[in-house]
Amino acid sequence: MMKRLNITIDENLYQTLRAISFIQDKSISEIIRDKLNTSLKKENKLKVSAELLLEAEDESEIIEILKDKEYLKWEDVKKKHNLK
């Protein structure tokens, strides 16, 4: 499922994206999605943190996740502590 997102970029970046869009025969949105996905794959620790936050059940759990600099995957925690 896709979500619509409005962003503001400067004119030079927009013109560059238009040119790339034309060269690659892709929409600007598709180019931006591809670049964001590539960038997030390189930021693995940040991606894991974001996934943990999205899985959190309540505010206190989120606060605990944010305080901790070392993040574990929820599946690993459940196995380690025999949680369901």
Foldseek 3Di string as FASTA:
>chain_A
DDDDDDDDDDPVVVVVLVVVCVVVVHDSVVVVVVVVVVVVVVVVLVVQLVVQCVPDDDDVSNVVSVVDPDDDHPVVVCVVVVHD
